[in-house]
Amino acid sequence: MSKPPASPYPPDLGGDAEPLADLVDAADAAASGLDLANRSARGLSLLRVDVGRCRLTGSELAESTLTDVTFDDCRLDLVGLRLARLERVVFRNCRMAECDFYGATLVDVLFDRCELREAELTEARLTRVELSGCDLRGLRGAEALRGARMPWNDVLENAPLFAAALGIELADDAG
């Protein structure tokens, strides 16, 4: 059995730390309750950042580097993370429908109770990635999940998706 993903290192928030107000390169920071929808932040670099209850719908974060980042209760639907590198990242209770991870590298990433409907994982490379309680309906590039960890009930719930990715034809058992 593979190892679970490593947890992110928390930000070192000093007493005078200013909260993030926009999608800019940042280290040891936090953002809460922001509307950052439709922002373009290609190549963004985040290091030890906590993001909570923020809306990033439609934001473009292609080729970004996210290290030790936690997204909690965020809207990340339609977010572009093509060719991004994510290391020790947690997505918890996030809406991520149609999120684009094409060609991204995910190392030590946890998706906990996230909606990933119709997300794109084609050509993504995953190492120590765990999905728990996630909605994967319509996920594209499901074969990229090879080696990911999932609870047994989640595997059963997503069996049709996995069968389709493997080209398994479901037989009619009403014979």
Protein backbone atom coordinates (compact mmCIF):
# COMPACT_ATOMS: atom_id res chain seq x y z
CA MET A 1 0.00 0.00 0.00
CA SER A 2 1.32 3.44 -0.88
CA LYS A 3 2.07 6.10 1.68
CA PRO A 4 -0.47 8.89 2.32
CA PRO A 5 0.46 12.38 1.13
CA ALA A 6 2.66 14.47 3.39
CA SER A 7 0.92 17.41 5.05
CA PRO A 8 1.76 20.99 4.10
CA TYR A 9 4.01 23.00 6.34
CA PRO A 10 1.94 25.80 7.91
CA PRO A 11 2.71 29.43 7.15
CA ASP A 12 4.86 31.31 9.62
CA LEU A 13 2.52 34.24 10.19
CA GLY A 14 4.23 36.90 12.25
CA GLY A 15 2.21 39.34 14.32
CA ASP A 16 2.55 42.02 11.64
CA ALA A 17 1.70 39.76 8.68
CA GLU A 18 -0.66 41.41 6.21
CA PRO A 19 -3.33 39.11 4.75
CA LEU A 20 -3.20 38.55 0.99
CA ALA A 21 -5.49 40.84 -0.98
CA ASP A 22 -4.85 39.49 -4.51
CA LEU A 23 -3.26 36.62 -6.44
CA VAL A 24 0.40 37.59 -6.17
CA ASP A 25 3.57 35.65 -5.38
CA ALA A 26 3.61 35.08 -1.63
CA ALA A 27 5.32 33.19 1.18
CA ASP A 28 4.06 32.68 4.73
CA ALA A 29 0.69 34.30 4.14
CA ALA A 30 -3.06 33.77 4.44
CA ALA A 31 -6.12 34.87 2.48
CA SER A 32 -9.71 34.65 3.63
CA GLY A 33 -13.06 35.58 2.13
CA LEU A 34 -11.68 37.13 -1.07
CA ASP A 35 -13.29 37.24 -4.51
CA LEU A 36 -10.38 36.51 -6.85
CA ALA A 37 -12.48 35.27 -9.77
CA ASN A 38 -11.18 35.53 -13.33
CA ARG A 39 -7.72 36.72 -12.31
CA SER A 40 -4.71 35.99 -14.51
CA ALA A 41 -1.73 34.90 -12.43
CA ARG A 42 0.20 32.63 -14.78
CA GLY A 43 3.41 31.39 -13.13
CA LEU A 44 2.20 32.31 -9.63
CA SER A 45 4.42 31.14 -6.75
CA LEU A 46 2.83 30.38 -3.37
CA LEU A 47 4.86 29.00 -0.47
CA ARG A 48 3.27 28.15 2.91
CA VAL A 49 -0.05 29.88 2.23
CA ASP A 50 -3.51 29.21 3.72
CA VAL A 51 -6.49 30.16 1.52
CA GLY A 52 -9.94 29.95 3.08
CA ARG A 53 -13.43 30.71 1.80
CA CYS A 54 -12.09 32.43 -1.34
CA ARG A 55 -13.61 32.45 -4.82
CA LEU A 56 -11.12 31.88 -7.64
CA THR A 57 -13.64 30.82 -10.33
CA GLY A 58 -12.11 31.06 -13.81
CA SER A 59 -8.68 32.22 -12.62
CA GLU A 60 -5.67 31.31 -14.78
CA LEU A 61 -2.82 29.82 -12.75
CA ALA A 62 -1.05 27.86 -15.49
CA GLU A 63 2.60 27.01 -14.86
CA SER A 64 2.28 28.07 -11.21
CA THR A 65 4.18 26.55 -8.30
CA LEU A 66 2.15 25.88 -5.16
CA THR A 67 4.12 24.46 -2.24
CA ASP A 68 2.69 23.90 1.26
CA VAL A 69 -0.66 25.47 0.37
CA THR A 70 -4.07 24.73 1.88
CA PHE A 71 -7.35 25.63 0.17
CA ASP A 72 -10.29 25.28 2.53
CA ASP A 73 -13.93 25.79 1.46
CA CYS A 74 -12.93 27.59 -1.76
CA ARG A 75 -14.50 27.87 -5.20
CA LEU A 76 -11.90 26.78 -7.74
CA ASP A 77 -14.25 25.85 -10.58
CA LEU A 78 -12.90 26.50 -14.07
CA VAL A 79 -9.44 27.31 -12.64
CA GLY A 80 -6.56 26.67 -15.05
CA LEU A 81 -3.62 24.85 -13.46
CA ARG A 82 -2.11 23.51 -16.68
CA LEU A 83 1.51 22.47 -16.32
CA ALA A 84 1.50 23.68 -12.69
CA ARG A 85 3.53 22.05 -9.93
CA LEU A 86 1.69 21.34 -6.67
CA GLU A 87 3.62 19.92 -3.71
CA ARG A 88 2.15 19.30 -0.24
CA VAL A 89 -1.20 20.90 -1.17
CA VAL A 90 -4.57 20.25 0.47
CA PHE A 91 -7.93 20.99 -1.14
CA ARG A 92 -10.67 20.57 1.49
CA ASN A 93 -14.40 21.10 0.80
CA CYS A 94 -13.64 22.86 -2.48
CA ARG A 95 -15.81 23.24 -5.56
CA MET A 96 -13.44 22.40 -8.43
CA ALA A 97 -15.75 21.53 -11.33
CA GLU A 98 -13.97 21.72 -14.70
CA CYS A 99 -10.63 22.56 -13.04
CA ASP A 100 -7.79 22.04 -15.54
CA PHE A 101 -4.77 20.05 -14.30
CA TYR A 102 -3.58 19.10 -17.81
CA GLY A 103 0.11 18.13 -17.64
CA ALA A 104 0.37 19.25 -14.01
CA THR A 105 2.65 17.57 -11.47
CA LEU A 106 0.97 16.77 -8.15
CA VAL A 107 3.12 15.47 -5.29
CA ASP A 108 1.71 14.90 -1.79
CA VAL A 109 -1.73 16.34 -2.65
CA LEU A 110 -4.97 15.64 -0.78
CA PHE A 111 -8.43 16.24 -2.23
CA ASP A 112 -10.86 15.94 0.72
CA ARG A 113 -14.61 16.20 0.00
CA CYS A 114 -14.07 18.15 -3.23
CA GLU A 115 -16.27 18.43 -6.28
CA LEU A 116 -14.07 17.57 -9.27
CA ARG A 117 -16.84 17.03 -11.82
CA GLU A 118 -15.55 17.23 -15.40
CA ALA A 119 -12.06 18.21 -14.21
CA GLU A 120 -9.15 17.58 -16.61
CA LEU A 121 -6.26 15.33 -15.50
CA THR A 122 -4.94 14.26 -18.90
CA GLU A 123 -1.10 13.97 -18.92
CA ALA A 124 -0.98 14.88 -15.19
CA ARG A 125 1.68 13.13 -13.08
CA LEU A 126 0.55 12.15 -9.59
CA THR A 127 2.72 10.97 -6.69
CA ARG A 128 1.24 10.29 -3.23
CA VAL A 129 -2.16 11.78 -4.11
CA GLU A 130 -5.28 10.93 -2.11
CA LEU A 131 -8.93 11.58 -2.97
CA SER A 132 -11.52 11.11 -0.24
CA GLY A 133 -15.24 11.79 -0.60
CA CYS A 134 -14.81 13.51 -3.97
CA ASP A 135 -17.33 13.83 -6.83
CA LEU A 136 -15.43 12.64 -9.93
CA ARG A 137 -18.33 12.42 -12.42
CA GLY A 138 -17.17 13.22 -15.94
CA LEU A 139 -13.49 13.46 -14.94
CA ARG A 140 -11.27 13.48 -18.04
CA GLY A 141 -7.92 11.70 -17.96
CA ALA A 142 -8.94 9.30 -15.16
CA GLU A 143 -6.00 7.04 -16.11
CA ALA A 144 -3.72 9.66 -14.48
CA LEU A 145 -5.14 8.51 -11.13
CA ARG A 146 -3.05 5.33 -11.35
CA GLY A 147 -1.43 4.91 -7.93
CA ALA A 148 -3.68 7.41 -6.13
CA ARG A 149 -5.22 6.46 -2.77
CA MET A 150 -8.99 6.35 -2.26
CA PRO A 151 -11.35 4.85 0.32
CA TRP A 152 -12.99 1.62 -0.89
CA ASN A 153 -16.49 3.17 -0.95
CA ASP A 154 -15.21 5.97 -3.20
CA VAL A 155 -13.69 3.41 -5.56
CA LEU A 156 -17.03 1.59 -5.77
CA GLU A 157 -18.95 4.83 -6.31
CA ASN A 158 -16.64 5.76 -9.19
CA ALA A 159 -16.48 2.27 -10.75
CA PRO A 160 -18.27 3.39 -13.96
CA LEU A 161 -15.68 6.16 -14.46
CA PHE A 162 -12.79 3.75 -13.96
CA ALA A 163 -14.38 1.12 -16.21
CA ALA A 164 -14.79 3.69 -18.98
CA ALA A 165 -11.16 4.82 -18.58
CA LEU A 166 -10.02 1.21 -18.97
CA GLY A 167 -12.31 0.56 -21.91
CA ILE A 168 -14.33 -2.05 -20.04
CA GLU A 169 -17.72 -2.73 -21.61
CA LEU A 170 -20.38 -3.26 -18.98
CA ALA A 171 -22.49 -6.33 -19.68
CA ASP A 172 -26.24 -6.36 -19.20
CA ASP A 173 -26.81 -8.76 -16.30
CA ALA A 174 -30.55 -9.16 -16.98
CA GLY A 175 -29.84 -12.38 -18.90
